[in-house]
Amino acid sequence: MALVEFKNVEKYYGDYHALRNINLRFEKGQVVVLLGPSGSGKSTLIRTINGLEAVDKGSLLVNGHQVAGASQKDLVPLRKEVG
């Protein structure tokens, strides 16, 4: 099981498509670097992992648990697992 898994994730800010059809898997212990120009969605991607931004489409799993719709209380242990 992946530590973090994005499945067809999309995020919009009004008409702006910040994340489009993102499919990624991060395994436990894997080091990941996000590179890209300003406005390419790096911060949005990270904010969806820790539950600060909700995804508009698709699913995001952290250690097998769905982030979308999770309460702040439920997000605390998930945030600790990601680091």
PDB file of N, CA and C in Angstrom:
ATOM      1  N   MET A   1       0.850  -1.179   0.000  1.00  0.00           N
ATOM      2  CA  MET A   1       0.000   0.000   0.000  1.00  0.00           C
ATOM      3  C   MET A   1       0.898   1.246   0.000  1.00  0.00           C
ATOM      4  N   ALA A   2       0.552   2.189  -0.838  1.00  0.00           N
ATOM      5  CA  ALA A   2       1.296   3.449  -0.920  1.00  0.00           C
ATOM      6  C   ALA A   2       1.004   4.314   0.303  1.00  0.00           C
ATOM      7  N   LEU A   3       1.994   5.112   0.706  1.00  0.00           N
ATOM      8  CA  LEU A   3       1.769   6.058   1.802  1.00  0.00           C
ATOM      9  C   LEU A   3       0.807   7.146   1.345  1.00  0.00           C
ATOM     10  N   VAL A   4       1.029   7.667   0.126  1.00  0.00           N
ATOM     11  CA  VAL A   4       0.147   8.681  -0.466  1.00  0.00           C
ATOM     12  C   VAL A   4      -0.178   8.239  -1.884  1.00  0.00           C
ATOM     13  N   GLU A   5      -1.453   8.280  -2.234  1.00  0.00           N
ATOM     14  CA  GLU A   5      -1.851   7.906  -3.590  1.00  0.00           C
ATOM     15  C   GLU A   5      -2.912   8.869  -4.121  1.00  0.00           C
ATOM     16  N   PHE A   6      -2.608   9.467  -5.255  1.00  0.00           N
ATOM     17  CA  PHE A   6      -3.540  10.321  -5.987  1.00  0.00           C
ATOM     18  C   PHE A   6      -4.123   9.510  -7.131  1.00  0.00           C
ATOM     19  N   LYS A   7      -5.448   9.514  -7.268  1.00  0.00           N
ATOM     20  CA  LYS A   7      -6.110   8.812  -8.366  1.00  0.00           C
ATOM     21  C   LYS A   7      -7.011   9.794  -9.107  1.00  0.00           C
ATOM     22  N   ASN A   8      -6.579  10.204 -10.282  1.00  0.00           N
ATOM     23  CA  ASN A   8      -7.361  11.108 -11.141  1.00  0.00           C
ATOM     24  C   ASN A   8      -7.799  12.371 -10.403  1.00  0.00           C
ATOM     25  N   VAL A   9      -6.904  12.957  -9.635  1.00  0.00           N
ATOM     26  CA  VAL A   9      -7.226  14.122  -8.811  1.00  0.00           C
ATOM     27  C   VAL A   9      -7.251  15.396  -9.649  1.00  0.00           C
ATOM     28  N   GLU A  10      -8.267  16.206  -9.404  1.00  0.00           N
ATOM     29  CA  GLU A  10      -8.387  17.518 -10.031  1.00  0.00           C
ATOM     30  C   GLU A  10      -8.762  18.538  -8.971  1.00  0.00           C
ATOM     31  N   LYS A  11      -8.256  19.751  -9.154  1.00  0.00           N
ATOM     32  CA  LYS A  11      -8.538  20.862  -8.236  1.00  0.00           C
ATOM     33  C   LYS A  11      -8.722  22.126  -9.054  1.00  0.00           C
ATOM     34  N   TYR A  12      -9.789  22.851  -8.774  1.00  0.00           N
ATOM     35  CA  TYR A  12     -10.108  24.100  -9.465  1.00  0.00           C
ATOM     36  C   TYR A  12     -10.147  25.253  -8.471  1.00  0.00           C
ATOM     37  N   TYR A  13      -9.751  26.403  -8.939  1.00  0.00           N
ATOM     38  CA  TYR A  13      -9.979  27.666  -8.232  1.00  0.00           C
ATOM     39  C   TYR A  13     -10.788  28.515  -9.200  1.00  0.00           C
ATOM     40  N   GLY A  14     -12.101  28.472  -9.066  1.00  0.00           N
ATOM     41  CA  GLY A  14     -12.952  29.142 -10.049  1.00  0.00           C
ATOM     42  C   GLY A  14     -12.778  28.466 -11.399  1.00  0.00           C
ATOM     43  N   ASP A  15     -12.391  29.233 -12.410  1.00  0.00           N
ATOM     44  CA  ASP A  15     -12.161  28.687 -13.750  1.00  0.00           C
ATOM     45  C   ASP A  15     -10.746  28.144 -13.932  1.00  0.00           C
ATOM     46  N   TYR A  16      -9.860  28.406 -12.963  1.00  0.00           N
ATOM     47  CA  TYR A  16      -8.463  27.980 -13.082  1.00  0.00           C
ATOM     48  C   TYR A  16      -8.310  26.514 -12.668  1.00  0.00           C
ATOM     49  N   HIS A  17      -7.743  25.720 -13.539  1.00  0.00           N
ATOM     50  CA  HIS A  17      -7.533  24.292 -13.313  1.00  0.00           C
ATOM     51  C   HIS A  17      -6.146  24.105 -12.693  1.00  0.00           C
ATOM     52  N   ALA A  18      -6.056  24.064 -11.367  1.00  0.00           N
ATOM     53  CA  ALA A  18      -4.763  23.996 -10.671  1.00  0.00           C
ATOM     54  C   ALA A  18      -4.123  22.613 -10.765  1.00  0.00           C
ATOM     55  N   LEU A  19      -4.909  21.560 -10.629  1.00  0.00           N
ATOM     56  CA  LEU A  19      -4.430  20.181 -10.769  1.00  0.00           C
ATOM     57  C   LEU A  19      -5.331  19.470 -11.762  1.00  0.00           C
ATOM     58  N   ARG A  20      -4.714  18.773 -12.709  1.00  0.00           N
ATOM     59  CA  ARG A  20      -5.490  18.114 -13.768  1.00  0.00           C
ATOM     60  C   ARG A  20      -5.083  16.653 -13.888  1.00  0.00           C
ATOM     61  N   ASN A  21      -6.002  15.763 -13.561  1.00  0.00           N
ATOM     62  CA  ASN A  21      -5.819  14.322 -13.741  1.00  0.00           C
ATOM     63  C   ASN A  21      -4.490  13.824 -13.151  1.00  0.00           C
ATOM     64  N   ILE A  22      -4.263  14.100 -11.876  1.00  0.00           N
ATOM     65  CA  ILE A  22      -3.029  13.703 -11.198  1.00  0.00           C
ATOM     66  C   ILE A  22      -3.140  12.253 -10.726  1.00  0.00           C
ATOM     67  N   ASN A  23      -2.175  11.450 -11.134  1.00  0.00           N
ATOM     68  CA  ASN A  23      -2.064  10.054 -10.714  1.00  0.00           C
ATOM     69  C   ASN A  23      -0.639   9.836 -10.224  1.00  0.00           C
ATOM     70  N   LEU A  24      -0.469   9.710  -8.911  1.00  0.00           N
ATOM     71  CA  LEU A  24       0.855   9.555  -8.299  1.00  0.00           C
ATOM     72  C   LEU A  24       0.772   8.590  -7.130  1.00  0.00           C
ATOM     73  N   ARG A  25       1.890   7.927  -6.862  1.00  0.00           N
ATOM     74  CA  ARG A  25       2.026   7.069  -5.670  1.00  0.00           C
ATOM     75  C   ARG A  25       3.344   7.410  -5.007  1.00  0.00           C
ATOM     76  N   PHE A  26       3.306   7.660  -3.714  1.00  0.00           N
ATOM     77  CA  PHE A  26       4.511   7.871  -2.923  1.00  0.00           C
ATOM     78  C   PHE A  26       4.578   6.739  -1.905  1.00  0.00           C
ATOM     79  N   GLU A  27       5.657   6.000  -1.924  1.00  0.00           N
ATOM     80  CA  GLU A  27       5.834   4.885  -0.993  1.00  0.00           C
ATOM     81  C   GLU A  27       6.512   5.368   0.288  1.00  0.00           C
ATOM     82  N   LYS A  28       6.277   4.662   1.376  1.00  0.00           N
ATOM     83  CA  LYS A  28       6.921   4.999   2.650  1.00  0.00           C
ATOM     84  C   LYS A  28       8.434   4.929   2.474  1.00  0.00           C
ATOM     85  N   GLY A  29       9.136   5.953   2.954  1.00  0.00           N
ATOM     86  CA  GLY A  29      10.585   6.012   2.856  1.00  0.00           C
ATOM     87  C   GLY A  29      11.096   6.627   1.571  1.00  0.00           C
ATOM     88  N   GLN A  30      10.223   6.829   0.611  1.00  0.00           N
ATOM     89  CA  GLN A  30      10.610   7.423  -0.666  1.00  0.00           C
ATOM     90  C   GLN A  30      10.800   8.927  -0.494  1.00  0.00           C
ATOM     91  N   VAL A  31      11.843   9.464  -1.109  1.00  0.00           N
ATOM     92  CA  VAL A  31      12.077  10.905  -1.105  1.00  0.00           C
ATOM     93  C   VAL A  31      11.517  11.463  -2.406  1.00  0.00           C
ATOM     94  N   VAL A  32      10.683  12.497  -2.291  1.00  0.00           N
ATOM     95  CA  VAL A  32      10.026  13.086  -3.458  1.00  0.00           C
ATOM     96  C   VAL A  32      10.373  14.564  -3.529  1.00  0.00           C
ATOM     97  N   VAL A  33      10.703  15.024  -4.724  1.00  0.00           N
ATOM     98  CA  VAL A  33      10.990  16.433  -4.961  1.00  0.00           C
ATOM     99  C   VAL A  33       9.997  16.939  -5.995  1.00  0.00           C
ATOM    100  N   LEU A  34       9.346  18.053  -5.704  1.00  0.00           N
ATOM    101  CA  LEU A  34       8.423  18.678  -6.649  1.00  0.00           C
ATOM    102  C   LEU A  34       9.087  19.912  -7.229  1.00  0.00           C
ATOM    103  N   LEU A  35       9.255  19.915  -8.531  1.00  0.00           N
ATOM    104  CA  LEU A  35       9.856  21.046  -9.228  1.00  0.00           C
ATOM    105  C   LEU A  35       8.886  21.572 -10.265  1.00  0.00           C
ATOM    106  N   GLY A  36       8.869  22.870 -10.446  1.00  0.00           N
ATOM    107  CA  GLY A  36       8.028  23.467 -11.473  1.00  0.00           C
ATOM    108  C   GLY A  36       7.976  24.963 -11.296  1.00  0.00           C
ATOM    109  N   PRO A  37       7.523  25.642 -12.331  1.00  0.00           N
ATOM    110  CA  PRO A  37       7.440  27.101 -12.250  1.00  0.00           C
ATOM    111  C   PRO A  37       6.320  27.549 -11.314  1.00  0.00           C
ATOM    112  N   SER A  38       6.346  28.818 -10.995  1.00  0.00           N
ATOM    113  CA  SER A  38       5.305  29.419 -10.170  1.00  0.00           C
ATOM    114  C   SER A  38       3.941  29.166 -10.810  1.00  0.00           C
ATOM    115  N   GLY A  39       2.989  28.737  -9.991  1.00  0.00           N
ATOM    116  CA  GLY A  39       1.636  28.510 -10.483  1.00  0.00           C
ATOM    117  C   GLY A  39       1.409  27.147 -11.104  1.00  0.00           C
ATOM    118  N   SER A  40       2.379  26.243 -10.983  1.00  0.00           N
ATOM    119  CA  SER A  40       2.235  24.926 -11.619  1.00  0.00           C
ATOM    120  C   SER A  40       1.502  23.908 -10.746  1.00  0.00           C
ATOM    121  N   GLY A  41       1.190  24.255  -9.487  1.00  0.00           N
ATOM    122  CA  GLY A  41       0.397  23.374  -8.636  1.00  0.00           C
ATOM    123  C   GLY A  41       1.160  22.651  -7.539  1.00  0.00           C
ATOM    124  N   LYS A  42       2.426  22.977  -7.345  1.00  0.00           N
ATOM    125  CA  LYS A  42       3.235  22.304  -6.312  1.00  0.00           C
ATOM    126  C   LYS A  42       2.636  22.480  -4.918  1.00  0.00           C
ATOM    127  N   SER A  43       2.373  23.703  -4.537  1.00  0.00           N
ATOM    128  CA  SER A  43       1.820  23.974  -3.197  1.00  0.00           C
ATOM    129  C   SER A  43       0.423  23.399  -3.053  1.00  0.00           C
ATOM    130  N   THR A  44      -0.368  23.484  -4.099  1.00  0.00           N
ATOM    131  CA  THR A  44      -1.718  22.920  -4.060  1.00  0.00           C
ATOM    132  C   THR A  44      -1.654  21.418  -3.839  1.00  0.00           C
ATOM    133  N   LEU A  45      -0.732  20.747  -4.508  1.00  0.00           N
ATOM    134  CA  LEU A  45      -0.565  19.307  -4.345  1.00  0.00           C
ATOM    135  C   LEU A  45      -0.258  18.963  -2.885  1.00  0.00           C
ATOM    136  N   ILE A  46       0.670  19.677  -2.278  1.00  0.00           N
ATOM    137  CA  ILE A  46       1.035  19.431  -0.877  1.00  0.00           C
ATOM    138  C   ILE A  46      -0.134  19.746   0.051  1.00  0.00           C
ATOM    139  N   ARG A  47      -0.843  20.819  -0.220  1.00  0.00           N
ATOM    140  CA  ARG A  47      -1.971  21.210   0.634  1.00  0.00           C
ATOM    141  C   ARG A  47      -3.110  20.190   0.565  1.00  0.00           C
ATOM    142  N   THR A  48      -3.257  19.481  -0.551  1.00  0.00           N
ATOM    143  CA  THR A  48      -4.280  18.434  -0.617  1.00  0.00           C
ATOM    144  C   THR A  48      -3.873  17.229   0.223  1.00  0.00           C
ATOM    145  N   ILE A  49      -2.581  16.920   0.253  1.00  0.00           N
ATOM    146  CA  ILE A  49      -2.114  15.770   1.039  1.00  0.00           C
ATOM    147  C   ILE A  49      -2.412  15.967   2.520  1.00  0.00           C
ATOM    148  N   ASN A  50      -2.162  17.166   3.035  1.00  0.00           N
ATOM    149  CA  ASN A  50      -2.385  17.372   4.473  1.00  0.00           C
ATOM    150  C   ASN A  50      -3.801  17.847   4.803  1.00  0.00           C
ATOM    151  N   GLY A  51      -4.681  17.874   3.810  1.00  0.00           N
ATOM    152  CA  GLY A  51      -6.082  18.180   4.052  1.00  0.00           C
ATOM    153  C   GLY A  51      -6.416  19.652   4.162  1.00  0.00           C
ATOM    154  N   LEU A  52      -5.473  20.528   3.828  1.00  0.00           N
ATOM    155  CA  LEU A  52      -5.757  21.965   3.872  1.00  0.00           C
ATOM    156  C   LEU A  52      -6.552  22.425   2.652  1.00  0.00           C
ATOM    157  N   GLU A  53      -6.498  21.653   1.577  1.00  0.00           N
ATOM    158  CA  GLU A  53      -7.290  21.908   0.370  1.00  0.00           C
ATOM    159  C   GLU A  53      -8.028  20.622   0.026  1.00  0.00           C
ATOM    160  N   ALA A  54      -9.277  20.732  -0.351  1.00  0.00           N
ATOM    161  CA  ALA A  54     -10.048  19.569  -0.782  1.00  0.00           C
ATOM    162  C   ALA A  54      -9.874  19.372  -2.281  1.00  0.00           C
ATOM    163  N   VAL A  55      -9.859  18.118  -2.723  1.00  0.00           N
ATOM    164  CA  VAL A  55      -9.824  17.851  -4.156  1.00  0.00           C
ATOM    165  C   VAL A  55     -11.247  17.982  -4.695  1.00  0.00           C
ATOM    166  N   ASP A  56     -11.364  18.405  -5.950  1.00  0.00           N
ATOM    167  CA  ASP A  56     -12.680  18.555  -6.562  1.00  0.00           C
ATOM    168  C   ASP A  56     -13.128  17.285  -7.278  1.00  0.00           C
ATOM    169  N   LYS A  57     -12.173  16.498  -7.765  1.00  0.00           N
ATOM    170  CA  LYS A  57     -12.470  15.227  -8.436  1.00  0.00           C
ATOM    171  C   LYS A  57     -11.383  14.230  -8.086  1.00  0.00           C
ATOM    172  N   GLY A  58     -11.723  12.961  -8.200  1.00  0.00           N
ATOM    173  CA  GLY A  58     -10.755  11.905  -7.942  1.00  0.00           C
ATOM    174  C   GLY A  58     -10.667  11.567  -6.466  1.00  0.00           C
ATOM    175  N   SER A  59      -9.665  10.761  -6.134  1.00  0.00           N
ATOM    176  CA  SER A  59      -9.493  10.377  -4.733  1.00  0.00           C
ATOM    177  C   SER A  59      -8.040  10.529  -4.315  1.00  0.00           C
ATOM    178  N   LEU A  60      -7.868  10.818  -3.054  1.00  0.00           N
ATOM    179  CA  LEU A  60      -6.555  10.975  -2.442  1.00  0.00           C
ATOM    180  C   LEU A  60      -6.531  10.137  -1.176  1.00  0.00           C
ATOM    181  N   LEU A  61      -5.632   9.163  -1.149  1.00  0.00           N
ATOM    182  CA  LEU A  61      -5.508   8.272  -0.004  1.00  0.00           C
ATOM    183  C   LEU A  61      -4.180   8.514   0.696  1.00  0.00           C
ATOM    184  N   VAL A  62      -4.209   8.593   2.008  1.00  0.00           N
ATOM    185  CA  VAL A  62      -2.998   8.663   2.818  1.00  0.00           C
ATOM    186  C   VAL A  62      -3.019   7.441   3.723  1.00  0.00           C
ATOM    187  N   ASN A  63      -2.048   6.567   3.503  1.00  0.00           N
ATOM    188  CA  ASN A  63      -1.955   5.310   4.245  1.00  0.00           C
ATOM    189  C   ASN A  63      -3.265   4.524   4.179  1.00  0.00           C
ATOM    190  N   GLY A  64      -3.889   4.552   3.000  1.00  0.00           N
ATOM    191  CA  GLY A  64      -5.121   3.807   2.771  1.00  0.00           C
ATOM    192  C   GLY A  64      -6.389   4.501   3.217  1.00  0.00           C
ATOM    193  N   HIS A  65      -6.291   5.687   3.803  1.00  0.00           N
ATOM    194  CA  HIS A  65      -7.457   6.423   4.295  1.00  0.00           C
ATOM    195  C   HIS A  65      -7.784   7.585   3.360  1.00  0.00           C
ATOM    196  N   GLN A  66      -9.045   7.725   3.025  1.00  0.00           N
ATOM    197  CA  GLN A  66      -9.502   8.814   2.167  1.00  0.00           C
ATOM    198  C   GLN A  66      -9.363  10.147   2.903  1.00  0.00           C
ATOM    199  N   VAL A  67      -8.701  11.112   2.270  1.00  0.00           N
ATOM    200  CA  VAL A  67      -8.522  12.433   2.879  1.00  0.00           C
ATOM    201  C   VAL A  67      -9.783  13.274   2.703  1.00  0.00           C
ATOM    202  N   ALA A  68     -10.419  13.177   1.547  1.00  0.00           N
ATOM    203  CA  ALA A  68     -11.621  13.975   1.272  1.00  0.00           C
ATOM    204  C   ALA A  68     -12.714  13.642   2.276  1.00  0.00           C
ATOM    205  N   GLY A  69     -13.255  14.661   2.881  1.00  0.00           N
ATOM    206  CA  GLY A  69     -14.343  14.483   3.828  1.00  0.00           C
ATOM    207  C   GLY A  69     -13.902  14.113   5.237  1.00  0.00           C
ATOM    208  N   ALA A  70     -12.609  13.929   5.452  1.00  0.00           N
ATOM    209  CA  ALA A  70     -12.126  13.587   6.794  1.00  0.00           C
ATOM    210  C   ALA A  70     -12.225  14.809   7.707  1.00  0.00           C
ATOM    211  N   SER A  71     -12.561  14.567   8.957  1.00  0.00           N
ATOM    212  CA  SER A  71     -12.637  15.661   9.930  1.00  0.00           C
ATOM    213  C   SER A  71     -11.228  16.106  10.301  1.00  0.00           C
ATOM    214  N   GLN A  72     -11.125  17.299  10.883  1.00  0.00           N
ATOM    215  CA  GLN A  72      -9.818  17.783  11.334  1.00  0.00           C
ATOM    216  C   GLN A  72      -9.215  16.816  12.353  1.00  0.00           C
ATOM    217  N   LYS A  73     -10.056  16.245  13.201  1.00  0.00           N
ATOM    218  CA  LYS A  73      -9.590  15.278  14.199  1.00  0.00           C
ATOM    219  C   LYS A  73      -8.992  14.044  13.519  1.00  0.00           C
ATOM    220  N   ASP A  74      -9.639  13.574  12.452  1.00  0.00           N
ATOM    221  CA  ASP A  74      -9.149  12.396  11.734  1.00  0.00           C
ATOM    222  C   ASP A  74      -7.896  12.693  10.917  1.00  0.00           C
ATOM    223  N   LEU A  75      -7.712  13.955  10.527  1.00  0.00           N
ATOM    224  CA  LEU A  75      -6.544  14.322   9.728  1.00  0.00           C
ATOM    225  C   LEU A  75      -5.256  14.378  10.545  1.00  0.00           C
ATOM    226  N   VAL A  76      -5.353  14.617  11.849  1.00  0.00           N
ATOM    227  CA  VAL A  76      -4.153  14.763  12.689  1.00  0.00           C
ATOM    228  C   VAL A  76      -3.233  13.540  12.584  1.00  0.00           C
ATOM    229  N   PRO A  77      -3.726  12.311  12.794  1.00  0.00           N
ATOM    230  CA  PRO A  77      -2.804  11.167  12.689  1.00  0.00           C
ATOM    231  C   PRO A  77      -2.282  10.955  11.268  1.00  0.00           C
ATOM    232  N   LEU A  78      -3.081  11.283  10.259  1.00  0.00           N
ATOM    233  CA  LEU A  78      -2.620  11.145   8.876  1.00  0.00           C
ATOM    234  C   LEU A  78      -1.486  12.115   8.585  1.00  0.00           C
ATOM    235  N   ARG A  79      -1.591  13.325   9.091  1.00  0.00           N
ATOM    236  CA  ARG A  79      -0.530  14.323   8.896  1.00  0.00           C
ATOM    237  C   ARG A  79       0.766  13.868   9.552  1.00  0.00           C
ATOM    238  N   LYS A  80       0.666  13.222  10.694  1.00  0.00           N
ATOM    239  CA  LYS A  80       1.862  12.740  11.394  1.00  0.00           C
ATOM    240  C   LYS A  80       2.550  11.624  10.612  1.00  0.00           C
ATOM    241  N   GLU A  81       1.783  10.829   9.873  1.00  0.00           N
ATOM    242  CA  GLU A  81       2.351   9.732   9.096  1.00  0.00           C
ATOM    243  C   GLU A  81       3.122  10.231   7.883  1.00  0.00           C
ATOM    244  N   VAL A  82       2.687  11.335   7.303  1.00  0.00           N
ATOM    245  CA  VAL A  82       3.310  11.844   6.082  1.00  0.00           C
ATOM    246  C   VAL A  82       4.605  12.565   6.394  1.00  0.00           C
ATOM    247  N   GLY A  83       4.621  13.368   7.435  1.00  0.00           N
ATOM    248  CA  GLY A  83       5.847  14.058   7.844  1.00  0.00           C
ATOM    249  C   GLY A  83       6.107  15.357   7.177  1.00  0.00           C
TER     250      GLY A  83
END
